[in-house]
PDB file of N, CA and C in Angstrom:
ATOM      1  N   MET A   1     -72.223 -64.831  81.972  1.00  0.00           N
ATOM      2  CA  MET A   1     -73.107 -65.922  81.594  1.00  0.00           C
ATOM      3  C   MET A   1     -74.568 -65.487  81.618  1.00  0.00           C
ATOM      4  N   GLU A   2     -74.940 -64.703  82.640  1.00  0.00           N
ATOM      5  CA  GLU A   2     -76.324 -64.255  82.730  1.00  0.00           C
ATOM      6  C   GLU A   2     -76.693 -63.364  81.554  1.00  0.00           C
ATOM      7  N   GLY A   3     -75.738 -62.562  81.061  1.00  0.00           N
ATOM      8  CA  GLY A   3     -75.991 -61.696  79.915  1.00  0.00           C
ATOM      9  C   GLY A   3     -76.349 -62.490  78.678  1.00  0.00           C
ATOM     10  N   ASN A   4     -75.682 -63.624  78.459  1.00  0.00           N
ATOM     11  CA  ASN A   4     -75.972 -64.469  77.305  1.00  0.00           C
ATOM     12  C   ASN A   4     -77.377 -65.046  77.373  1.00  0.00           C
ATOM     13  N   ILE A   5     -77.818 -65.447  78.553  1.00  0.00           N
ATOM     14  CA  ILE A   5     -79.170 -65.985  78.723  1.00  0.00           C
ATOM     15  C   ILE A   5     -80.199 -64.899  78.443  1.00  0.00           C
ATOM     16  N   PHE A   6     -79.956 -63.701  78.961  1.00  0.00           N
ATOM     17  CA  PHE A   6     -80.857 -62.578  78.747  1.00  0.00           C
ATOM     18  C   PHE A   6     -80.983 -62.255  77.256  1.00  0.00           C
ATOM     19  N   ILE A   7     -79.851 -62.210  76.580  1.00  0.00           N
ATOM     20  CA  ILE A   7     -79.850 -61.904  75.140  1.00  0.00           C
ATOM     21  C   ILE A   7     -80.551 -63.003  74.359  1.00  0.00           C
ATOM     22  N   SER A   8     -80.302 -64.258  74.702  1.00  0.00           N
ATOM     23  CA  SER A   8     -80.935 -65.350  73.963  1.00  0.00           C
ATOM     24  C   SER A   8     -82.452 -65.353  74.152  1.00  0.00           C
ATOM     25  N   LYS A   9     -82.936 -64.890  75.315  1.00  0.00           N
ATOM     26  CA  LYS A   9     -84.387 -64.799  75.539  1.00  0.00           C
ATOM     27  C   LYS A   9     -85.010 -63.692  74.693  1.00  0.00           C
ATOM     28  N   LEU A  10     -84.243 -62.659  74.396  1.00  0.00           N
ATOM     29  CA  LEU A  10     -84.758 -61.542  73.614  1.00  0.00           C
ATOM     30  C   LEU A  10     -84.640 -61.749  72.106  1.00  0.00           C
ATOM     31  N   GLU A  11     -83.818 -62.691  71.688  1.00  0.00           N
ATOM     32  CA  GLU A  11     -83.518 -62.846  70.265  1.00  0.00           C
ATOM     33  C   GLU A  11     -84.768 -63.047  69.409  1.00  0.00           C
ATOM     34  N   ASN A  12     -85.591 -64.017  69.717  1.00  0.00           N
ATOM     35  CA  ASN A  12     -86.769 -64.295  68.882  1.00  0.00           C
ATOM     36  C   ASN A  12     -87.778 -63.145  68.889  1.00  0.00           C
ATOM     37  N   PRO A  13     -88.124 -62.572  70.061  1.00  0.00           N
ATOM     38  CA  PRO A  13     -89.062 -61.440  70.022  1.00  0.00           C
ATOM     39  C   PRO A  13     -88.543 -60.257  69.187  1.00  0.00           C
ATOM     40  N   VAL A  14     -87.252 -59.990  69.248  1.00  0.00           N
ATOM     41  CA  VAL A  14     -86.688 -58.892  68.459  1.00  0.00           C
ATOM     42  C   VAL A  14     -86.766 -59.219  66.974  1.00  0.00           C
ATOM     43  N   ARG A  15     -86.396 -60.438  66.611  1.00  0.00           N
ATOM     44  CA  ARG A  15     -86.475 -60.835  65.193  1.00  0.00           C
ATOM     45  C   ARG A  15     -87.905 -60.730  64.679  1.00  0.00           C
ATOM     46  N   GLU A  16     -88.862 -61.196  65.454  1.00  0.00           N
ATOM     47  CA  GLU A  16     -90.270 -61.158  65.036  1.00  0.00           C
ATOM     48  C   GLU A  16     -90.770 -59.719  64.894  1.00  0.00           C
ATOM     49  N   SER A  17     -90.339 -58.832  65.771  1.00  0.00           N
ATOM     50  CA  SER A  17     -90.817 -57.450  65.711  1.00  0.00           C
ATOM     51  C   SER A  17     -90.202 -56.678  64.544  1.00  0.00           C
ATOM     52  N   CYS A  18     -89.135 -57.192  63.951  1.00  0.00           N
ATOM     53  CA  CYS A  18     -88.462 -56.508  62.847  1.00  0.00           C
ATOM     54  C   CYS A  18     -88.893 -57.031  61.478  1.00  0.00           C
ATOM     55  N   GLN A  19     -89.812 -57.969  61.431  1.00  0.00           N
ATOM     56  CA  GLN A  19     -90.255 -58.529  60.158  1.00  0.00           C
ATOM     57  C   GLN A  19     -91.132 -57.520  59.414  1.00  0.00           C
ATOM     58  N   ILE A  20     -90.946 -57.434  58.114  1.00  0.00           N
ATOM     59  CA  ILE A  20     -91.728 -56.546  57.263  1.00  0.00           C
ATOM     60  C   ILE A  20     -92.457 -57.423  56.239  1.00  0.00           C
ATOM     61  N   GLU A  21     -93.746 -57.210  56.112  1.00  0.00           N
ATOM     62  CA  GLU A  21     -94.531 -57.998  55.157  1.00  0.00           C
ATOM     63  C   GLU A  21     -94.030 -57.746  53.740  1.00  0.00           C
ATOM     64  N   ASN A  22     -93.907 -58.814  52.961  1.00  0.00           N
ATOM     65  CA  ASN A  22     -93.397 -58.699  51.592  1.00  0.00           C
ATOM     66  C   ASN A  22     -94.247 -57.770  50.739  1.00  0.00           C
ATOM     67  N   THR A  23     -95.546 -57.753  50.947  1.00  0.00           N
ATOM     68  CA  THR A  23     -96.419 -56.917  50.126  1.00  0.00           C
ATOM     69  C   THR A  23     -96.135 -55.428  50.309  1.00  0.00           C
ATOM     70  N   LEU A  24     -95.621 -55.033  51.471  1.00  0.00           N
ATOM     71  CA  LEU A  24     -95.343 -53.619  51.712  1.00  0.00           C
ATOM     72  C   LEU A  24     -94.242 -53.091  50.795  1.00  0.00           C
ATOM     73  N   PHE A  25     -93.282 -53.939  50.442  1.00  0.00           N
ATOM     74  CA  PHE A  25     -92.211 -53.519  49.542  1.00  0.00           C
ATOM     75  C   PHE A  25     -92.793 -53.123  48.187  1.00  0.00           C
ATOM     76  N   GLU A  26     -93.738 -53.912  47.688  1.00  0.00           N
ATOM     77  CA  GLU A  26     -94.361 -53.622  46.396  1.00  0.00           C
ATOM     78  C   GLU A  26     -95.325 -52.444  46.507  1.00  0.00           C
ATOM     79  N   ASN A  27     -96.136 -52.417  47.561  1.00  0.00           N
ATOM     80  CA  ASN A  27     -97.140 -51.357  47.715  1.00  0.00           C
ATOM     81  C   ASN A  27     -96.517 -49.971  47.772  1.00  0.00           C
ATOM     82  N   TYR A  28     -95.365 -49.847  48.407  1.00  0.00           N
ATOM     83  CA  TYR A  28     -94.720 -48.547  48.587  1.00  0.00           C
ATOM     84  C   TYR A  28     -93.481 -48.364  47.718  1.00  0.00           C
ATOM     85  N   ASP A  29     -93.268 -49.282  46.769  1.00  0.00           N
ATOM     86  CA  ASP A  29     -92.138 -49.229  45.839  1.00  0.00           C
ATOM     87  C   ASP A  29     -90.808 -49.075  46.572  1.00  0.00           C
ATOM     88  N   VAL A  30     -90.635 -49.863  47.630  1.00  0.00           N
ATOM     89  CA  VAL A  30     -89.392 -49.874  48.400  1.00  0.00           C
ATOM     90  C   VAL A  30     -88.495 -50.966  47.837  1.00  0.00           C
ATOM     91  N   LYS A  31     -87.249 -50.621  47.568  1.00  0.00           N
ATOM     92  CA  LYS A  31     -86.300 -51.570  46.975  1.00  0.00           C
ATOM     93  C   LYS A  31     -85.595 -52.378  48.061  1.00  0.00           C
ATOM     94  N   ARG A  32     -85.260 -53.591  47.716  1.00  0.00           N
ATOM     95  CA  ARG A  32     -84.449 -54.438  48.590  1.00  0.00           C
ATOM     96  C   ARG A  32     -83.043 -54.421  48.015  1.00  0.00           C
ATOM     97  N   GLY A  33     -82.115 -53.911  48.758  1.00  0.00           N
ATOM     98  CA  GLY A  33     -80.748 -53.815  48.243  1.00  0.00           C
ATOM     99  C   GLY A  33     -80.685 -52.824  47.108  1.00  0.00           C
ATOM    100  N   LEU A  34     -79.953 -53.125  46.076  1.00  0.00           N
ATOM    101  CA  LEU A  34     -79.799 -52.208  44.954  1.00  0.00           C
ATOM    102  C   LEU A  34     -80.376 -52.780  43.664  1.00  0.00           C
ATOM    103  N   ARG A  35     -81.435 -53.566  43.779  1.00  0.00           N
ATOM    104  CA  ARG A  35     -82.064 -54.154  42.595  1.00  0.00           C
ATOM    105  C   ARG A  35     -83.575 -53.934  42.615  1.00  0.00           C
ATOM    106  N   ASN A  36     -84.133 -53.684  41.433  1.00  0.00           N
ATOM    107  CA  ASN A  36     -85.575 -53.686  41.262  1.00  0.00           C
ATOM    108  C   ASN A  36     -86.044 -55.133  41.220  1.00  0.00           C
ATOM    109  N   SER A  37     -87.344 -55.348  41.277  1.00  0.00           N
ATOM    110  CA  SER A  37     -87.868 -56.719  41.262  1.00  0.00           C
ATOM    111  C   SER A  37     -87.550 -57.448  39.957  1.00  0.00           C
ATOM    112  N   ASP A  38     -87.303 -56.700  38.860  1.00  0.00           N
ATOM    113  CA  ASP A  38     -86.970 -57.350  37.583  1.00  0.00           C
ATOM    114  C   ASP A  38     -85.468 -57.596  37.413  1.00  0.00           C
ATOM    115  N   GLY A  39     -84.665 -57.290  38.454  1.00  0.00           N
ATOM    116  CA  GLY A  39     -83.229 -57.557  38.407  1.00  0.00           C
ATOM    117  C   GLY A  39     -82.391 -56.380  37.955  1.00  0.00           C
ATOM    118  N   THR A  40     -83.030 -55.314  37.473  1.00  0.00           N
ATOM    119  CA  THR A  40     -82.267 -54.142  37.056  1.00  0.00           C
ATOM    120  C   THR A  40     -81.786 -53.386  38.281  1.00  0.00           C
ATOM    121  N   GLY A  41     -80.769 -52.570  38.094  1.00  0.00           N
ATOM    122  CA  GLY A  41     -80.222 -51.788  39.194  1.00  0.00           C
ATOM    123  C   GLY A  41     -81.135 -50.650  39.583  1.00  0.00           C
ATOM    124  N   VAL A  42     -81.090 -50.275  40.830  1.00  0.00           N
ATOM    125  CA  VAL A  42     -81.884 -49.181  41.360  1.00  0.00           C
ATOM    126  C   VAL A  42     -81.089 -47.888  41.214  1.00  0.00           C
ATOM    127  N   LEU A  43     -81.731 -46.843  40.724  1.00  0.00           N
ATOM    128  CA  LEU A  43     -81.090 -45.540  40.623  1.00  0.00           C
ATOM    129  C   LEU A  43     -80.955 -44.962  42.015  1.00  0.00           C
ATOM    130  N   VAL A  44     -79.733 -44.756  42.466  1.00  0.00           N
ATOM    131  CA  VAL A  44     -79.509 -44.257  43.822  1.00  0.00           C
ATOM    132  C   VAL A  44     -79.034 -42.819  43.836  1.00  0.00           C
ATOM    133  N   GLY A  45     -78.784 -42.252  42.692  1.00  0.00           N
ATOM    134  CA  GLY A  45     -78.345 -40.861  42.633  1.00  0.00           C
ATOM    135  C   GLY A  45     -78.048 -40.470  41.207  1.00  0.00           C
ATOM    136  N   LEU A  46     -77.912 -39.187  40.985  1.00  0.00           N
ATOM    137  CA  LEU A  46     -77.579 -38.682  39.663  1.00  0.00           C
ATOM    138  C   LEU A  46     -76.209 -38.037  39.723  1.00  0.00           C
ATOM    139  N   THR A  47     -75.381 -38.362  38.770  1.00  0.00           N
ATOM    140  CA  THR A  47     -74.028 -37.827  38.776  1.00  0.00           C
ATOM    141  C   THR A  47     -73.475 -37.811  37.358  1.00  0.00           C
ATOM    142  N   ASN A  48     -72.542 -36.917  37.116  1.00  0.00           N
ATOM    143  CA  ASN A  48     -71.843 -36.872  35.837  1.00  0.00           C
ATOM    144  C   ASN A  48     -70.460 -37.497  35.925  1.00  0.00           C
ATOM    145  N   ILE A  49     -70.133 -38.081  37.070  1.00  0.00           N
ATOM    146  CA  ILE A  49     -68.777 -38.616  37.236  1.00  0.00           C
ATOM    147  C   ILE A  49     -68.708 -40.131  37.227  1.00  0.00           C
ATOM    148  N   GLY A  50     -69.834 -40.811  37.248  1.00  0.00           N
ATOM    149  CA  GLY A  50     -69.776 -42.263  37.240  1.00  0.00           C
ATOM    150  C   GLY A  50     -71.138 -42.893  37.073  1.00  0.00           C
ATOM    151  N   ASP A  51     -71.149 -44.193  36.934  1.00  0.00           N
ATOM    152  CA  ASP A  51     -72.376 -44.972  36.775  1.00  0.00           C
ATOM    153  C   ASP A  51     -72.108 -46.362  37.337  1.00  0.00           C
ATOM    154  N   VAL A  52     -73.144 -47.013  37.802  1.00  0.00           N
ATOM    155  CA  VAL A  52     -73.032 -48.387  38.280  1.00  0.00           C
ATOM    156  C   VAL A  52     -73.832 -49.274  37.346  1.00  0.00           C
ATOM    157  N   VAL A  53     -73.183 -50.290  36.811  1.00  0.00           N
ATOM    158  CA  VAL A  53     -73.838 -51.231  35.917  1.00  0.00           C
ATOM    159  C   VAL A  53     -74.041 -52.529  36.690  1.00  0.00           C
ATOM    160  N   GLY A  54     -75.297 -52.973  36.822  1.00  0.00           N
ATOM    161  CA  GLY A  54     -75.580 -54.171  37.595  1.00  0.00           C
ATOM    162  C   GLY A  54     -76.352 -55.228  36.832  1.00  0.00           C
ATOM    163  N   TYR A  55     -76.572 -54.986  35.526  1.00  0.00           N
ATOM    164  CA  TYR A  55     -77.280 -55.986  34.727  1.00  0.00           C
ATOM    165  C   TYR A  55     -76.929 -55.830  33.258  1.00  0.00           C
ATOM    166  N   LYS A  56     -77.243 -56.869  32.492  1.00  0.00           N
ATOM    167  CA  LYS A  56     -77.121 -56.798  31.036  1.00  0.00           C
ATOM    168  C   LYS A  56     -78.378 -57.428  30.460  1.00  0.00           C
ATOM    169  N   LYS A  57     -78.656 -57.152  29.217  1.00  0.00           N
ATOM    170  CA  LYS A  57     -79.836 -57.725  28.569  1.00  0.00           C
ATOM    171  C   LYS A  57     -79.391 -58.770  27.564  1.00  0.00           C
ATOM    172  N   GLU A  58     -79.987 -59.950  27.680  1.00  0.00           N
ATOM    173  CA  GLU A  58     -79.710 -61.053  26.763  1.00  0.00           C
ATOM    174  C   GLU A  58     -81.030 -61.564  26.228  1.00  0.00           C
ATOM    175  N   ASP A  59     -81.189 -61.563  24.930  1.00  0.00           N
ATOM    176  CA  ASP A  59     -82.422 -62.025  24.299  1.00  0.00           C
ATOM    177  C   ASP A  59     -83.648 -61.323  24.883  1.00  0.00           C
ATOM    178  N   GLY A  60     -83.511 -60.024  25.179  1.00  0.00           N
ATOM    179  CA  GLY A  60     -84.629 -59.248  25.703  1.00  0.00           C
ATOM    180  C   GLY A  60     -84.908 -59.449  27.178  1.00  0.00           C
ATOM    181  N   LYS A  61     -84.081 -60.238  27.850  1.00  0.00           N
ATOM    182  CA  LYS A  61     -84.274 -60.488  29.283  1.00  0.00           C
ATOM    183  C   LYS A  61     -83.165 -59.821  30.078  1.00  0.00           C
ATOM    184  N   VAL A  62     -83.515 -59.349  31.264  1.00  0.00           N
ATOM    185  CA  VAL A  62     -82.544 -58.723  32.156  1.00  0.00           C
ATOM    186  C   VAL A  62     -81.823 -59.812  32.938  1.00  0.00           C
ATOM    187  N   VAL A  63     -80.495 -59.775  32.907  1.00  0.00           N
ATOM    188  CA  VAL A  63     -79.673 -60.753  33.615  1.00  0.00           C
ATOM    189  C   VAL A  63     -78.770 -59.987  34.588  1.00  0.00           C
ATOM    190  N   ALA A  64     -78.907 -60.301  35.875  1.00  0.00           N
ATOM    191  CA  ALA A  64     -78.081 -59.640  36.893  1.00  0.00           C
ATOM    192  C   ALA A  64     -76.632 -60.065  36.736  1.00  0.00           C
ATOM    193  N   ILE A  65     -75.722 -59.100  36.907  1.00  0.00           N
ATOM    194  CA  ILE A  65     -74.289 -59.376  36.875  1.00  0.00           C
ATOM    195  C   ILE A  65     -73.656 -58.731  38.101  1.00  0.00           C
ATOM    196  N   PRO A  66     -72.441 -59.129  38.470  1.00  0.00           N
ATOM    197  CA  PRO A  66     -71.774 -58.433  39.571  1.00  0.00           C
ATOM    198  C   PRO A  66     -71.652 -56.949  39.217  1.00  0.00           C
ATOM    199  N   GLY A  67     -71.923 -56.083  40.180  1.00  0.00           N
ATOM    200  CA  GLY A  67     -71.898 -54.644  39.941  1.00  0.00           C
ATOM    201  C   GLY A  67     -70.548 -54.145  39.471  1.00  0.00           C
ATOM    202  N   GLU A  68     -70.578 -53.150  38.604  1.00  0.00           N
ATOM    203  CA  GLU A  68     -69.357 -52.558  38.072  1.00  0.00           C
ATOM    204  C   GLU A  68     -69.503 -51.031  38.130  1.00  0.00           C
ATOM    205  N   LEU A  69     -68.542 -50.368  38.723  1.00  0.00           N
ATOM    206  CA  LEU A  69     -68.538 -48.913  38.785  1.00  0.00           C
ATOM    207  C   LEU A  69     -67.762 -48.371  37.604  1.00  0.00           C
ATOM    208  N   VAL A  70     -68.419 -47.532  36.800  1.00  0.00           N
ATOM    209  CA  VAL A  70     -67.795 -46.934  35.636  1.00  0.00           C
ATOM    210  C   VAL A  70     -67.480 -45.486  35.957  1.00  0.00           C
ATOM    211  N   ASN A  71     -66.213 -45.098  35.820  1.00  0.00           N
ATOM    212  CA  ASN A  71     -65.751 -43.757  36.119  1.00  0.00           C
ATOM    213  C   ASN A  71     -65.714 -42.947  34.833  1.00  0.00           C
ATOM    214  N   PHE A  72     -66.409 -41.802  34.818  1.00  0.00           N
ATOM    215  CA  PHE A  72     -66.443 -40.948  33.635  1.00  0.00           C
ATOM    216  C   PHE A  72     -65.318 -39.921  33.603  1.00  0.00           C
ATOM    217  N   ILE A  73     -64.636 -39.737  34.719  1.00  0.00           N
ATOM    218  CA  ILE A  73     -63.571 -38.727  34.791  1.00  0.00           C
ATOM    219  C   ILE A  73     -62.274 -39.326  34.271  1.00  0.00           C
ATOM    220  N   THR A  74     -61.646 -38.615  33.363  1.00  0.00           N
ATOM    221  CA  THR A  74     -60.341 -39.061  32.853  1.00  0.00           C
ATOM    222  C   THR A  74     -59.290 -38.047  33.268  1.00  0.00           C
ATOM    223  N   GLU A  75     -58.123 -38.520  33.543  1.00  0.00           N
ATOM    224  CA  GLU A  75     -57.022 -37.640  33.943  1.00  0.00           C
ATOM    225  C   GLU A  75     -56.592 -36.806  32.735  1.00  0.00           C
ATOM    226  N   ALA A  76     -56.305 -35.544  32.957  1.00  0.00           N
ATOM    227  CA  ALA A  76     -55.887 -34.654  31.861  1.00  0.00           C
ATOM    228  C   ALA A  76     -54.436 -34.859  31.509  1.00  0.00           C
TER     229      ALA A  76
END
């Protein structure tokens, strides 16, 4: 029981110390998750074996879609 009280007293200070100002994400071009601010997918690596599709364009606008992994390797 004492452990729960101790943890609950620390919860808010820990949460507050882990906050990151929103402007820092833009200033340092840090991505949140796997999307750019315009909804397009973030390039996380270069490979010849697959691709991740996370958006489509409709009427010139980027529309986020559930991610899809495309495999370039075919069985011989």
